[in-house]
């Protein structure tokens, strides 16, 4: 039996529909998976030049300099935007109205330049972080993925990053975890042994603040005293040394 042109057309549309539905379902699963990863990721303020990133509660926190995250230096406007959010009381950010309406001329609107400036800064931060997460953590993001979301219960035009943030007033005192350690008798071998032991403690108890409070100063001491590179630091933290 030979199908008429109309039947073939309907069958083709059906196949296209099935294909699109399957593609949307697969993309939704990818998006849902990466959303879950981003939600447990934590980015915390360390100082004006670096942040501390923890991929998951059972992973050790790692300090990263602004340049490692793709920013030119600490004085770039986009980096300052990120630091301002991480050190703010609300850990959120807002945007001004997109347009001004001159008094007496509600039908006439004027573009608010500050609105564009703020959006461009936020977009630049997100682009650099997405690239960094892709390279450093091996994450794949769907096209158009956003690292921020609107706070539904907050004021109009208030947003926050999807990853967890702990500013200066967070439950975990960043200042306390990054203080100096007593370097007397701390040769590199002893320092590596200490970090290895702390990593084991955090593996069994990810919420052990005592171990966490000790780990970051040890890492910073190794970077500053022995000149550990970012690659070596990651190897040390992961136990591959």
C-alpha atoms as a PDB file:
ATOM      1  CA  UNK A   1       0.000   0.000   0.000  1.00  0.00           C
ATOM      2  CA  UNK A   2       1.470   3.379  -1.040  1.00  0.00           C
ATOM      3  CA  UNK A   3       0.901   6.237   1.359  1.00  0.00           C
ATOM      4  CA  UNK A   4      -0.463   9.412  -0.155  1.00  0.00           C
ATOM      5  CA  UNK A   5       1.538  12.672   0.146  1.00  0.00           C
ATOM      6  CA  UNK A   6      -0.618  13.926   3.010  1.00  0.00           C
ATOM      7  CA  UNK A   7       0.003  10.775   5.044  1.00  0.00           C
ATOM      8  CA  UNK A   8       3.750  10.965   4.432  1.00  0.00           C
ATOM      9  CA  UNK A   9       3.729  14.601   5.532  1.00  0.00           C
ATOM     10  CA  UNK A  10       1.904  13.771   8.765  1.00  0.00           C
ATOM     11  CA  UNK A  11       4.246  10.858   9.458  1.00  0.00           C
ATOM     12  CA  UNK A  12       7.277  13.104   8.924  1.00  0.00           C
ATOM     13  CA  UNK A  13       5.850  15.686  11.321  1.00  0.00           C
ATOM     14  CA  UNK A  14       5.281  12.934  13.875  1.00  0.00           C
ATOM     15  CA  UNK A  15       8.914  11.784  13.631  1.00  0.00           C
ATOM     16  CA  UNK A  16      10.134  15.368  14.016  1.00  0.00           C
ATOM     17  CA  UNK A  17       7.920  15.810  17.066  1.00  0.00           C
ATOM     18  CA  UNK A  18       9.300  12.632  18.675  1.00  0.00           C
ATOM     19  CA  UNK A  19      12.866  13.729  17.917  1.00  0.00           C
ATOM     20  CA  UNK A  20      12.318  17.185  19.402  1.00  0.00           C
ATOM     21  CA  UNK A  21      10.625  15.773  22.486  1.00  0.00           C
ATOM     22  CA  UNK A  22      13.502  13.368  23.079  1.00  0.00           C
ATOM     23  CA  UNK A  23      16.032  16.162  22.593  1.00  0.00           C
ATOM     24  CA  UNK A  24      14.217  18.437  25.012  1.00  0.00           C
ATOM     25  CA  UNK A  25      14.015  15.656  27.575  1.00  0.00           C
ATOM     26  CA  UNK A  26      17.746  14.928  27.305  1.00  0.00           C
ATOM     27  CA  UNK A  27      18.597  18.623  27.565  1.00  0.00           C
ATOM     28  CA  UNK A  28      16.329  18.974  30.588  1.00  0.00           C
ATOM     29  CA  UNK A  29      18.157  16.103  32.303  1.00  0.00           C
ATOM     30  CA  UNK A  30      21.534  17.737  31.589  1.00  0.00           C
ATOM     31  CA  UNK A  31      20.301  21.074  32.897  1.00  0.00           C
ATOM     32  CA  UNK A  32      18.844  19.495  36.021  1.00  0.00           C
ATOM     33  CA  UNK A  33      22.091  17.647  36.692  1.00  0.00           C
ATOM     34  CA  UNK A  34      24.309  20.720  36.374  1.00  0.00           C
ATOM     35  CA  UNK A  35      21.835  22.783  38.400  1.00  0.00           C
ATOM     36  CA  UNK A  36      22.253  20.323  41.272  1.00  0.00           C
ATOM     37  CA  UNK A  37      26.036  20.583  41.085  1.00  0.00           C
ATOM     38  CA  UNK A  38      25.976  24.375  41.034  1.00  0.00           C
ATOM     39  CA  UNK A  39      23.584  24.476  44.010  1.00  0.00           C
ATOM     40  CA  UNK A  40      26.085  22.681  46.293  1.00  0.00           C
ATOM     41  CA  UNK A  41      29.133  24.567  44.993  1.00  0.00           C
ATOM     42  CA  UNK A  42      30.349  27.202  47.432  1.00  0.00           C
ATOM     43  CA  UNK A  43      32.248  30.384  46.584  1.00  0.00           C
ATOM     44  CA  UNK A  44      33.500  32.407  49.546  1.00  0.00           C
ATOM     45  CA  UNK A  45      35.400  35.654  49.951  1.00  0.00           C
ATOM     46  CA  UNK A  46      39.031  35.251  51.030  1.00  0.00           C
ATOM     47  CA  UNK A  47      40.482  38.665  50.255  1.00  0.00           C
ATOM     48  CA  UNK A  48      40.204  41.329  47.578  1.00  0.00           C
ATOM     49  CA  UNK A  49      42.343  39.251  45.204  1.00  0.00           C
ATOM     50  CA  UNK A  50      41.075  35.731  45.723  1.00  0.00           C
ATOM     51  CA  UNK A  51      38.105  33.555  46.638  1.00  0.00           C
ATOM     52  CA  UNK A  52      37.747  30.101  48.147  1.00  0.00           C
ATOM     53  CA  UNK A  53      35.856  27.510  46.113  1.00  0.00           C
ATOM     54  CA  UNK A  54      34.465  24.252  47.465  1.00  0.00           C
ATOM     55  CA  UNK A  55      32.989  21.965  44.825  1.00  0.00           C
ATOM     56  CA  UNK A  56      30.864  19.987  47.277  1.00  0.00           C
ATOM     57  CA  UNK A  57      30.530  19.457  51.055  1.00  0.00           C
ATOM     58  CA  UNK A  58      32.794  16.380  50.886  1.00  0.00           C
ATOM     59  CA  UNK A  59      35.440  18.246  48.876  1.00  0.00           C
ATOM     60  CA  UNK A  60      38.229  20.395  50.356  1.00  0.00           C
ATOM     61  CA  UNK A  61      38.058  24.185  49.890  1.00  0.00           C
ATOM     62  CA  UNK A  62      40.648  25.604  47.494  1.00  0.00           C
ATOM     63  CA  UNK A  63      41.759  29.249  47.264  1.00  0.00           C
ATOM     64  CA  UNK A  64      41.947  30.731  43.756  1.00  0.00           C
ATOM     65  CA  UNK A  65      43.503  33.985  42.675  1.00  0.00           C
ATOM     66  CA  UNK A  66      41.425  36.271  40.433  1.00  0.00           C
ATOM     67  CA  UNK A  67      43.762  35.626  37.499  1.00  0.00           C
ATOM     68  CA  UNK A  68      43.236  31.871  37.765  1.00  0.00           C
ATOM     69  CA  UNK A  69      39.509  32.496  37.370  1.00  0.00           C
ATOM     70  CA  UNK A  70      40.137  34.420  34.147  1.00  0.00           C
ATOM     71  CA  UNK A  71      40.080  38.004  35.409  1.00  0.00           C
ATOM     72  CA  UNK A  72      42.929  40.326  34.413  1.00  0.00           C
ATOM     73  CA  UNK A  73      43.587  41.526  37.957  1.00  0.00           C
ATOM     74  CA  UNK A  74      41.843  42.578  41.167  1.00  0.00           C
ATOM     75  CA  UNK A  75      41.098  46.044  39.789  1.00  0.00           C
ATOM     76  CA  UNK A  76      38.881  44.944  36.906  1.00  0.00           C
ATOM     77  CA  UNK A  77      35.288  46.131  37.275  1.00  0.00           C
ATOM     78  CA  UNK A  78      33.831  42.650  36.791  1.00  0.00           C
ATOM     79  CA  UNK A  79      36.020  41.170  39.558  1.00  0.00           C
ATOM     80  CA  UNK A  80      35.045  44.010  41.886  1.00  0.00           C
ATOM     81  CA  UNK A  81      31.399  43.265  41.095  1.00  0.00           C
ATOM     82  CA  UNK A  82      31.872  39.657  42.264  1.00  0.00           C
ATOM     83  CA  UNK A  83      33.743  40.698  45.410  1.00  0.00           C
ATOM     84  CA  UNK A  84      31.093  43.293  46.239  1.00  0.00           C
ATOM     85  CA  UNK A  85      28.421  40.593  46.122  1.00  0.00           C
ATOM     86  CA  UNK A  86      30.448  38.129  48.231  1.00  0.00           C
ATOM     87  CA  UNK A  87      31.107  40.776  50.905  1.00  0.00           C
ATOM     88  CA  UNK A  88      27.631  42.272  51.002  1.00  0.00           C
ATOM     89  CA  UNK A  89      25.263  41.589  53.894  1.00  0.00           C
ATOM     90  CA  UNK A  90      22.568  40.200  51.608  1.00  0.00           C
ATOM     91  CA  UNK A  91      24.923  38.274  49.279  1.00  0.00           C
ATOM     92  CA  UNK A  92      22.690  39.454  46.448  1.00  0.00           C
ATOM     93  CA  UNK A  93      22.690  42.165  43.811  1.00  0.00           C
ATOM     94  CA  UNK A  94      20.111  44.423  42.218  1.00  0.00           C
ATOM     95  CA  UNK A  95      19.762  46.272  38.939  1.00  0.00           C
ATOM     96  CA  UNK A  96      18.373  49.751  38.428  1.00  0.00           C
ATOM     97  CA  UNK A  97      15.300  50.299  36.219  1.00  0.00           C
ATOM     98  CA  UNK A  98      15.994  49.790  32.521  1.00  0.00           C
ATOM     99  CA  UNK A  99      14.344  53.103  31.593  1.00  0.00           C
ATOM    100  CA  UNK A 100      13.747  56.564  32.998  1.00  0.00           C
ATOM    101  CA  UNK A 101      10.408  58.266  32.434  1.00  0.00           C
ATOM    102  CA  UNK A 102      10.648  62.076  32.429  1.00  0.00           C
ATOM    103  CA  UNK A 103       8.121  63.749  34.707  1.00  0.00           C
ATOM    104  CA  UNK A 104       4.996  64.567  32.763  1.00  0.00           C
ATOM    105  CA  UNK A 105       6.029  62.341  29.821  1.00  0.00           C
ATOM    106  CA  UNK A 106       5.079  58.780  30.792  1.00  0.00           C
ATOM    107  CA  UNK A 107       4.765  57.811  27.146  1.00  0.00           C
ATOM    108  CA  UNK A 108       8.399  58.767  26.565  1.00  0.00           C
ATOM    109  CA  UNK A 109      11.176  56.662  28.004  1.00  0.00           C
ATOM    110  CA  UNK A 110      14.931  57.153  28.210  1.00  0.00           C
ATOM    111  CA  UNK A 111      17.370  54.232  28.393  1.00  0.00           C
ATOM    112  CA  UNK A 112      19.158  53.986  31.752  1.00  0.00           C
ATOM    113  CA  UNK A 113      22.852  53.573  30.962  1.00  0.00           C
ATOM    114  CA  UNK A 114      23.618  52.299  34.466  1.00  0.00           C
ATOM    115  CA  UNK A 115      21.284  49.374  33.847  1.00  0.00           C
ATOM    116  CA  UNK A 116      23.369  48.244  30.861  1.00  0.00           C
ATOM    117  CA  UNK A 117      26.603  48.734  32.806  1.00  0.00           C
ATOM    118  CA  UNK A 118      25.425  46.517  35.666  1.00  0.00           C
ATOM    119  CA  UNK A 119      24.133  43.778  33.366  1.00  0.00           C
ATOM    120  CA  UNK A 120      27.379  43.710  31.397  1.00  0.00           C
ATOM    121  CA  UNK A 121      29.410  43.336  34.598  1.00  0.00           C
ATOM    122  CA  UNK A 122      27.217  40.461  35.784  1.00  0.00           C
ATOM    123  CA  UNK A 123      27.365  38.801  32.371  1.00  0.00           C
ATOM    124  CA  UNK A 124      31.163  39.099  32.277  1.00  0.00           C
ATOM    125  CA  UNK A 125      31.504  37.516  35.715  1.00  0.00           C
ATOM    126  CA  UNK A 126      29.234  34.616  34.752  1.00  0.00           C
ATOM    127  CA  UNK A 127      31.027  33.978  31.457  1.00  0.00           C
ATOM    128  CA  UNK A 128      34.411  33.751  33.171  1.00  0.00           C
ATOM    129  CA  UNK A 129      33.098  31.521  35.957  1.00  0.00           C
ATOM    130  CA  UNK A 130      31.397  29.183  33.483  1.00  0.00           C
ATOM    131  CA  UNK A 131      34.660  28.791  31.564  1.00  0.00           C
ATOM    132  CA  UNK A 132      36.558  28.211  34.814  1.00  0.00           C
ATOM    133  CA  UNK A 133      34.090  25.600  36.101  1.00  0.00           C
ATOM    134  CA  UNK A 134      34.210  23.859  32.741  1.00  0.00           C
ATOM    135  CA  UNK A 135      38.010  23.647  32.690  1.00  0.00           C
ATOM    136  CA  UNK A 136      38.664  23.148  36.402  1.00  0.00           C
ATOM    137  CA  UNK A 137      35.759  20.884  37.377  1.00  0.00           C
ATOM    138  CA  UNK A 138      35.019  19.306  33.998  1.00  0.00           C
ATOM    139  CA  UNK A 139      31.430  20.520  34.005  1.00  0.00           C
ATOM    140  CA  UNK A 140      29.437  20.907  30.789  1.00  0.00           C
ATOM    141  CA  UNK A 141      26.796  23.619  30.698  1.00  0.00           C
ATOM    142  CA  UNK A 142      23.855  23.757  28.287  1.00  0.00           C
ATOM    143  CA  UNK A 143      23.656  26.747  25.991  1.00  0.00           C
ATOM    144  CA  UNK A 144      22.290  29.826  27.692  1.00  0.00           C
ATOM    145  CA  UNK A 145      22.815  28.493  31.231  1.00  0.00           C
ATOM    146  CA  UNK A 146      22.660  31.254  33.842  1.00  0.00           C
ATOM    147  CA  UNK A 147      24.604  31.293  37.095  1.00  0.00           C
ATOM    148  CA  UNK A 148      22.159  33.661  38.763  1.00  0.00           C
ATOM    149  CA  UNK A 149      18.457  33.712  39.549  1.00  0.00           C
ATOM    150  CA  UNK A 150      15.886  36.204  40.709  1.00  0.00           C
ATOM    151  CA  UNK A 151      14.959  36.158  44.381  1.00  0.00           C
ATOM    152  CA  UNK A 152      11.222  35.595  44.163  1.00  0.00           C
ATOM    153  CA  UNK A 153      10.520  36.710  47.727  1.00  0.00           C
ATOM    154  CA  UNK A 154      12.867  39.701  47.550  1.00  0.00           C
ATOM    155  CA  UNK A 155      12.496  43.234  46.197  1.00  0.00           C
ATOM    156  CA  UNK A 156      11.962  43.799  42.488  1.00  0.00           C
ATOM    157  CA  UNK A 157      15.076  43.239  40.356  1.00  0.00           C
ATOM    158  CA  UNK A 158      17.001  41.505  43.178  1.00  0.00           C
ATOM    159  CA  UNK A 159      19.153  38.545  42.127  1.00  0.00           C
ATOM    160  CA  UNK A 160      21.624  36.087  43.614  1.00  0.00           C
ATOM    161  CA  UNK A 161      24.109  33.561  42.322  1.00  0.00           C
ATOM    162  CA  UNK A 162      22.887  29.975  42.176  1.00  0.00           C
ATOM    163  CA  UNK A 163      25.970  28.666  43.948  1.00  0.00           C
ATOM    164  CA  UNK A 164      26.260  28.961  47.717  1.00  0.00           C
ATOM    165  CA  UNK A 165      28.020  32.048  49.025  1.00  0.00           C
ATOM    166  CA  UNK A 166      29.435  32.868  52.410  1.00  0.00           C
ATOM    167  CA  UNK A 167      30.488  36.443  52.922  1.00  0.00           C
ATOM    168  CA  UNK A 168      32.168  38.107  55.843  1.00  0.00           C
ATOM    169  CA  UNK A 169      29.243  37.326  58.138  1.00  0.00           C
ATOM    170  CA  UNK A 170      28.731  33.676  57.146  1.00  0.00           C
ATOM    171  CA  UNK A 171      28.490  30.752  59.548  1.00  0.00           C
ATOM    172  CA  UNK A 172      32.019  29.768  58.579  1.00  0.00           C
ATOM    173  CA  UNK A 173      34.425  32.552  59.453  1.00  0.00           C
ATOM    174  CA  UNK A 174      36.595  33.012  56.374  1.00  0.00           C
ATOM    175  CA  UNK A 175      38.927  35.316  58.311  1.00  0.00           C
ATOM    176  CA  UNK A 176      39.439  32.645  60.916  1.00  0.00           C
ATOM    177  CA  UNK A 177      40.222  29.924  58.366  1.00  0.00           C
ATOM    178  CA  UNK A 178      42.846  31.894  56.482  1.00  0.00           C
ATOM    179  CA  UNK A 179      44.991  33.188  59.313  1.00  0.00           C
ATOM    180  CA  UNK A 180      48.722  32.456  59.623  1.00  0.00           C
ATOM    181  CA  UNK A 181      50.074  29.246  61.113  1.00  0.00           C
ATOM    182  CA  UNK A 182      53.060  28.808  63.346  1.00  0.00           C
ATOM    183  CA  UNK A 183      55.856  28.064  60.918  1.00  0.00           C
ATOM    184  CA  UNK A 184      58.415  26.977  63.506  1.00  0.00           C
ATOM    185  CA  UNK A 185      59.647  23.559  62.497  1.00  0.00           C
ATOM    186  CA  UNK A 186      57.267  23.379  59.556  1.00  0.00           C
ATOM    187  CA  UNK A 187      59.417  22.068  56.750  1.00  0.00           C
ATOM    188  CA  UNK A 188      57.656  21.165  53.513  1.00  0.00           C
ATOM    189  CA  UNK A 189      57.505  17.449  54.292  1.00  0.00           C
ATOM    190  CA  UNK A 190      55.783  18.056  57.634  1.00  0.00           C
ATOM    191  CA  UNK A 191      53.391  20.495  55.994  1.00  0.00           C
ATOM    192  CA  UNK A 192      52.413  17.931  53.351  1.00  0.00           C
ATOM    193  CA  UNK A 193      51.880  15.315  56.043  1.00  0.00           C
ATOM    194  CA  UNK A 194      49.631  17.703  57.968  1.00  0.00           C
ATOM    195  CA  UNK A 195      47.523  18.466  54.869  1.00  0.00           C
ATOM    196  CA  UNK A 196      47.198  14.770  54.084  1.00  0.00           C
ATOM    197  CA  UNK A 197      45.898  14.081  57.586  1.00  0.00           C
ATOM    198  CA  UNK A 198      43.439  16.984  57.420  1.00  0.00           C
ATOM    199  CA  UNK A 199      42.123  15.740  54.073  1.00  0.00           C
ATOM    200  CA  UNK A 200      41.466  12.316  55.626  1.00  0.00           C
ATOM    201  CA  UNK A 201      39.549  13.920  58.490  1.00  0.00           C
ATOM    202  CA  UNK A 202      37.410  15.935  56.060  1.00  0.00           C
ATOM    203  CA  UNK A 203      36.743  12.827  53.973  1.00  0.00           C
ATOM    204  CA  UNK A 204      35.161  11.099  56.967  1.00  0.00           C
ATOM    205  CA  UNK A 205      33.567  14.263  58.353  1.00  0.00           C
ATOM    206  CA  UNK A 206      33.056  17.019  55.715  1.00  0.00           C
ATOM    207  CA  UNK A 207      31.591  19.372  58.330  1.00  0.00           C
ATOM    208  CA  UNK A 208      34.577  19.207  60.676  1.00  0.00           C
ATOM    209  CA  UNK A 209      35.243  22.921  61.124  1.00  0.00           C
ATOM    210  CA  UNK A 210      38.402  22.330  63.147  1.00  0.00           C
ATOM    211  CA  UNK A 211      40.037  20.488  60.252  1.00  0.00           C
ATOM    212  CA  UNK A 212      38.718  23.043  57.790  1.00  0.00           C
ATOM    213  CA  UNK A 213      40.036  25.917  59.894  1.00  0.00           C
ATOM    214  CA  UNK A 214      43.471  24.306  59.799  1.00  0.00           C
ATOM    215  CA  UNK A 215      43.559  23.197  56.161  1.00  0.00           C
ATOM    216  CA  UNK A 216      43.363  26.556  54.375  1.00  0.00           C
ATOM    217  CA  UNK A 217      46.134  28.245  56.426  1.00  0.00           C
ATOM    218  CA  UNK A 218      48.372  25.247  55.695  1.00  0.00           C
ATOM    219  CA  UNK A 219      47.698  25.575  51.980  1.00  0.00           C
ATOM    220  CA  UNK A 220      48.370  29.311  52.060  1.00  0.00           C
ATOM    221  CA  UNK A 221      51.573  28.712  54.011  1.00  0.00           C
ATOM    222  CA  UNK A 222      52.779  26.278  51.365  1.00  0.00           C
ATOM    223  CA  UNK A 223      51.965  28.728  48.564  1.00  0.00           C
ATOM    224  CA  UNK A 224      53.641  31.678  50.245  1.00  0.00           C
ATOM    225  CA  UNK A 225      56.633  29.895  51.817  1.00  0.00           C
ATOM    226  CA  UNK A 226      57.433  27.222  49.256  1.00  0.00           C
ATOM    227  CA  UNK A 227      56.009  28.878  46.166  1.00  0.00           C
ATOM    228  CA  UNK A 228      53.429  26.190  45.369  1.00  0.00           C
ATOM    229  CA  UNK A 229      51.806  26.746  41.990  1.00  0.00           C
ATOM    230  CA  UNK A 230      48.063  26.329  41.452  1.00  0.00           C
ATOM    231  CA  UNK A 231      48.667  22.942  39.795  1.00  0.00           C
ATOM    232  CA  UNK A 232      50.820  21.730  42.678  1.00  0.00           C
ATOM    233  CA  UNK A 233      48.290  23.042  45.189  1.00  0.00           C
ATOM    234  CA  UNK A 234      45.518  21.022  43.539  1.00  0.00           C
ATOM    235  CA  UNK A 235      47.725  17.918  43.584  1.00  0.00           C
ATOM    236  CA  UNK A 236      48.496  18.415  47.243  1.00  0.00           C
ATOM    237  CA  UNK A 237      44.826  18.815  48.160  1.00  0.00           C
ATOM    238  CA  UNK A 238      43.746  15.794  46.127  1.00  0.00           C
ATOM    239  CA  UNK A 239      46.515  13.687  47.674  1.00  0.00           C
ATOM    240  CA  UNK A 240      48.431  13.163  44.418  1.00  0.00           C
ATOM    241  CA  UNK A 241      51.882  14.183  45.661  1.00  0.00           C
END
